[in-house]
Every structure is written in C-alpha cells, then in structure tokens.
Amino acid sequence: MAQTYLIAGLGNIGPEYALTRHNMGFMTLDALAAASNVVFSTQRYGDLAEMKLKGNTLHLLKPSTYMNLSGKAVAYWVHKYNIAPENLLVVVDDLALPFGTMRLRKSGSDGGHNGLKSIDYHLISNQYARLRLGIGNGFAPGGQIDFVLSELMLEEKRILPQVLTAATEAIKCFVLEGPDRAMTKFNRKAPPQPEQDQSKSSEENSSSKAE
C-alpha cells in the first residue's frame, strides 16, 4: 500500500554553508532530488520537493530555519501532511562517526545534535527515524562549532559523491523495504574509497612494468 513520507535533511541556508560538514542533510536531499529529476521550491519554513517512488509520495524538506530551529519546520510539515511517526526520516551529520560512514536508527537520543534536539522538542518525541552521516571529529577541544561549520577537506570532497549516492539509496531502501532492511544494508563500518584516476592508474601500471 502506497504511503506518504517526509524526508528532512538538516543544514543551514546560504551559499557560505553549502559545502560545510553541518550541511550533509541538505547535500543528501539535493542529490536525491537531482537523481529523481525534481526541483525544490521555497515554501513555509523551508524548501520542498515532491517525488514518487513506486507509488509512495516523498516530501523532501530542507528547513530554512537554520539548524537550531529545525524542529519548527519539521513539525509544521509533519502536521501539514499528516505524516505518521514511522514515515518521518531525518538526515543529519554526526561527529561520532568517521566521514563516509552512516548509521540508520528507528529512534533514539539527539546525541548532542542541536537539530535533533529541536525536532524532539517540537514533536515532543524522539520516536522517528534518523540517518546519521559521519563527518568525523578532527578538532581540538572547544573547536566543535568551527569544525562543523567549516568546508569539507579535499579528500572528503573526493568521496562525497559516493557517500551521497549511498545515502540516497539508504533513503529509498527505508521507504521500499523498511528500516530494518535498510539498517542491515547501509549501516556501514568503513567509508568508501575515492575512485582511482584511470590515467594515473595506467601510468602507475606502466611504471611498475618498466621497473
């Protein structure tokens, strides 16, 4: 039976935040929308797009409230579309996971994430699924805010397309096969490796043969 879902990707609006670690949720939804040939439009409390997935309706939400007030946008659209708790999925960055890894959970604590704290507050519940995308924790004591609001490093940008593809596939699996199956398939232990440059690979192979 076809169902309606709200997929909320968290982040901060504005070009200055576009490729920052805290915007992994935005990046994931942008990738999902692009792959599905749908576009976002500015609505109340955020940018929204709608896509179909084998009869299911997915409302994609990028809140415009900034991270700390994400719950205001999520709660509004949950009630607007009458979304069942089990059909809400929030995509967020996670300091506790290495970059490139992901963890899907059906519910849980906010883990210190201000976006999740806001959602818990406005929904008066933490009984909703969340897809956590690792961003690592390479910062000195007291440097957390600067770290999450800084751009990805070059090596992270190289594997970012693979990370986002995996995240979008996890979202589709969540909808089509359910959270348990999605957790089994996508709760990764190791980050993806960047695709090797073929020309460089050929040069290395030639060099090896010459030696």
Protein backbone atom coordinates (compact mmCIF):
# COMPACT_ATOMS: atom_id res chain seq x y z
CA MET A 1 0.00 0.00 0.00
CA ALA A 2 1.41 3.37 -1.04
CA GLN A 3 2.31 5.74 1.78
CA THR A 4 3.41 9.33 2.31
CA TYR A 5 6.80 10.18 3.82
CA LEU A 6 8.60 13.29 4.98
CA ILE A 7 12.36 13.16 4.41
CA ALA A 8 14.00 16.09 6.20
CA GLY A 9 17.64 16.89 5.50
CA LEU A 10 19.13 19.28 8.04
CA GLY A 11 21.52 22.12 7.35
CA ASN A 12 21.95 25.89 7.25
CA ILE A 13 20.74 28.07 4.41
CA GLY A 14 23.06 30.35 2.45
CA PRO A 15 25.92 29.77 -0.01
CA GLU A 16 28.52 30.21 2.72
CA TYR A 17 27.30 26.97 4.32
CA ALA A 18 26.80 24.95 1.13
CA LEU A 19 29.74 22.54 1.48
CA THR A 20 30.16 22.64 5.25
CA ARG A 21 30.00 19.49 7.35
CA HIS A 22 26.80 20.59 9.06
CA ASN A 23 25.03 20.56 5.68
CA MET A 24 25.28 16.85 4.91
CA GLY A 25 21.50 16.61 5.20
CA PHE A 26 20.97 19.33 2.59
CA MET A 27 23.54 17.75 0.28
CA THR A 28 21.84 14.36 0.52
CA LEU A 29 18.43 15.74 -0.38
CA ASP A 30 19.90 17.76 -3.23
CA ALA A 31 21.44 14.55 -4.60
CA LEU A 32 18.18 12.64 -4.20
CA ALA A 33 16.18 15.38 -5.91
CA ALA A 34 18.66 15.65 -8.78
CA ALA A 35 18.66 11.89 -9.36
CA SER A 36 14.85 11.92 -9.40
CA ASN A 37 14.56 14.98 -11.67
CA VAL A 38 12.57 17.03 -9.18
CA VAL A 39 13.27 20.58 -8.06
CA PHE A 40 12.84 22.40 -4.77
CA SER A 41 10.57 25.38 -4.31
CA THR A 42 10.54 27.80 -1.40
CA GLN A 43 7.65 27.13 0.96
CA ARG A 44 6.89 27.95 4.58
CA TYR A 45 9.88 27.22 6.82
CA GLY A 46 11.89 25.61 4.05
CA ASP A 47 12.49 24.41 0.52
CA LEU A 48 10.37 21.46 -0.55
CA ALA A 49 10.26 18.99 -3.41
CA GLU A 50 7.96 16.07 -4.06
CA MET A 51 8.91 12.79 -5.68
CA LYS A 52 7.25 9.46 -6.32
CA LEU A 53 8.88 6.13 -5.51
CA LYS A 54 6.90 3.12 -6.71
CA GLY A 55 3.63 4.75 -5.76
CA ASN A 56 4.86 6.25 -2.50
CA THR A 57 4.97 10.02 -2.11
CA LEU A 58 8.14 11.51 -0.64
CA HIS A 59 8.13 15.12 0.53
CA LEU A 60 11.73 16.34 0.71
CA LEU A 61 12.31 19.17 3.17
CA LYS A 62 15.33 21.41 3.65
CA PRO A 63 14.42 23.68 6.59
CA SER A 64 15.17 27.39 6.20
CA THR A 65 15.06 27.95 9.96
CA TYR A 66 18.78 27.25 10.45
CA MET A 67 19.94 24.17 12.30
CA ASN A 68 18.99 25.10 15.86
CA LEU A 69 15.33 25.65 14.93
CA SER A 70 14.94 22.70 12.56
CA GLY A 71 12.12 21.30 14.66
CA LYS A 72 9.86 24.23 13.84
CA ALA A 73 9.95 23.37 10.14
CA VAL A 74 9.79 19.60 10.58
CA ALA A 75 6.84 19.77 12.97
CA TYR A 76 4.93 22.12 10.68
CA TRP A 77 5.22 19.81 7.66
CA VAL A 78 4.66 16.64 9.69
CA HIS A 79 1.30 18.08 10.74
CA LYS A 80 0.60 19.63 7.33
CA TYR A 81 0.95 16.30 5.55
CA ASN A 82 -0.28 14.19 8.47
CA ILE A 83 2.91 12.13 8.44
CA ALA A 84 2.91 9.00 10.60
CA PRO A 85 5.85 8.93 13.06
CA GLU A 86 7.30 5.84 11.34
CA ASN A 87 7.25 7.70 8.00
CA LEU A 88 9.49 10.56 9.11
CA LEU A 89 13.19 10.25 8.31
CA VAL A 90 15.69 12.95 9.32
CA VAL A 91 19.12 13.09 7.65
CA VAL A 92 21.86 14.67 9.79
CA ASP A 93 25.61 14.94 10.18
CA ASP A 94 27.26 13.05 13.04
CA LEU A 95 30.53 13.86 14.79
CA ALA A 96 30.70 10.41 16.38
CA LEU A 97 31.13 8.64 13.03
CA PRO A 98 34.11 8.77 10.64
CA PHE A 99 33.48 10.61 7.41
CA GLY A 100 31.77 8.35 4.89
CA THR A 101 30.11 6.03 7.37
CA MET A 102 26.39 6.09 8.11
CA ARG A 103 24.00 4.78 10.73
CA LEU A 104 20.26 4.46 10.36
CA ARG A 105 18.20 4.19 13.54
CA LYS A 106 14.44 3.94 14.04
CA SER A 107 14.57 6.27 17.07
CA GLY A 108 17.00 7.44 19.72
CA SER A 109 18.59 10.31 21.57
CA ASP A 110 19.68 13.55 19.96
CA GLY A 111 23.34 12.67 20.57
CA GLY A 112 24.09 16.32 21.26
CA HIS A 113 22.93 17.39 17.80
CA ASN A 114 21.09 20.71 18.02
CA GLY A 115 18.92 19.97 15.01
CA LEU A 116 17.65 16.73 16.55
CA LYS A 117 17.19 18.46 19.90
CA SER A 118 14.91 20.98 18.23
CA ILE A 119 12.91 18.27 16.46
CA ASP A 120 12.49 16.29 19.68
CA TYR A 121 11.25 19.45 21.39
CA HIS A 122 8.71 20.40 18.74
CA LEU A 123 7.44 16.86 18.15
CA ILE A 124 7.54 16.07 21.89
CA SER A 125 9.05 12.75 20.85
CA ASN A 126 12.24 11.11 19.62
CA GLN A 127 10.34 8.22 18.04
CA TYR A 128 11.29 8.90 14.44
CA ALA A 129 13.99 7.51 12.17
CA ARG A 130 17.26 9.30 11.59
CA LEU A 131 20.03 8.68 9.07
CA ARG A 132 23.31 9.86 10.58
CA LEU A 133 26.13 10.68 8.17
CA GLY A 134 29.60 10.71 9.67
CA ILE A 135 31.72 13.85 9.48
CA GLY A 136 34.47 12.79 11.89
CA ASN A 137 35.72 14.71 14.90
CA GLY A 138 39.05 16.15 13.83
CA PHE A 139 39.03 19.24 16.00
CA ALA A 140 40.81 20.46 19.11
CA PRO A 141 38.92 20.91 22.41
CA GLY A 142 36.49 23.80 22.05
CA GLY A 143 36.64 23.75 18.27
CA GLN A 144 33.44 21.84 17.55
CA ILE A 145 31.44 24.78 16.20
CA ASP A 146 34.19 25.92 13.84
CA PHE A 147 34.67 22.32 12.70
CA VAL A 148 31.05 21.61 11.76
CA LEU A 149 30.74 24.99 10.03
CA SER A 150 33.93 24.54 8.01
CA GLU A 151 34.16 23.13 4.49
CA LEU A 152 34.97 19.52 3.79
CA MET A 153 38.61 18.71 3.15
CA LEU A 154 39.75 17.84 -0.37
CA GLU A 155 39.93 14.11 0.32
CA GLU A 156 36.42 14.21 1.79
CA LYS A 157 35.14 16.05 -1.27
CA ARG A 158 36.62 13.32 -3.46
CA ILE A 159 34.49 10.61 -1.88
CA LEU A 160 31.47 12.84 -1.26
CA PRO A 161 29.60 11.72 -4.42
CA GLN A 162 29.84 8.09 -3.30
CA VAL A 163 28.71 8.99 0.21
CA LEU A 164 25.69 10.87 -1.10
CA THR A 165 24.78 8.09 -3.51
CA ALA A 166 24.85 5.57 -0.68
CA ALA A 167 22.75 7.88 1.49
CA THR A 168 20.11 8.32 -1.22
CA GLU A 169 19.97 4.57 -1.74
CA ALA A 170 19.51 4.10 2.01
CA ILE A 171 16.55 6.50 1.92
CA LYS A 172 14.96 4.59 -0.95
CA CYS A 173 15.50 1.30 0.88
CA PHE A 174 13.94 2.77 4.03
CA VAL A 175 10.80 3.58 2.03
CA LEU A 176 10.59 0.46 -0.10
CA GLU A 177 11.90 -2.25 2.22
CA GLY A 178 11.55 -0.78 5.69
CA PRO A 179 14.02 0.48 8.30
CA ASP A 180 15.23 -2.93 9.46
CA ARG A 181 16.31 -3.96 5.98
CA ALA A 182 17.84 -0.54 5.37
CA MET A 183 19.85 -0.76 8.59
CA THR A 184 21.18 -4.18 7.60
CA LYS A 185 22.24 -2.99 4.16
CA PHE A 186 23.55 0.50 4.86
CA ASN A 187 24.92 0.80 8.39
CA ARG A 188 28.46 0.93 7.08
CA LYS A 189 31.58 0.25 9.10
CA ALA A 190 34.08 1.57 6.58
CA PRO A 191 33.93 4.72 4.46
CA PRO A 192 34.03 4.41 0.67
CA GLN A 193 37.34 4.91 -1.07
CA PRO A 194 37.77 7.55 -3.77
CA GLU A 195 37.60 6.21 -7.29
CA GLN A 196 41.10 5.83 -8.64
CA ASP A 197 42.02 8.08 -11.53
CA GLN A 198 42.27 5.75 -14.51
CA SER A 199 45.01 7.71 -16.29
CA LYS A 200 47.07 7.78 -13.12
CA SER A 201 46.44 4.09 -12.63
CA SER A 202 47.63 3.36 -16.16
CA GLU A 203 50.78 5.41 -15.63
CA GLU A 204 51.49 3.58 -12.37
CA ASN A 205 50.98 0.23 -14.04
CA SER A 206 53.32 1.18 -16.90
CA SER A 207 55.89 2.39 -14.40
CA SER A 208 55.63 -0.85 -12.45
CA LYS A 209 56.12 -2.89 -15.61
CA ALA A 210 59.12 -0.80 -16.59
CA GLU A 211 60.72 -1.39 -13.24
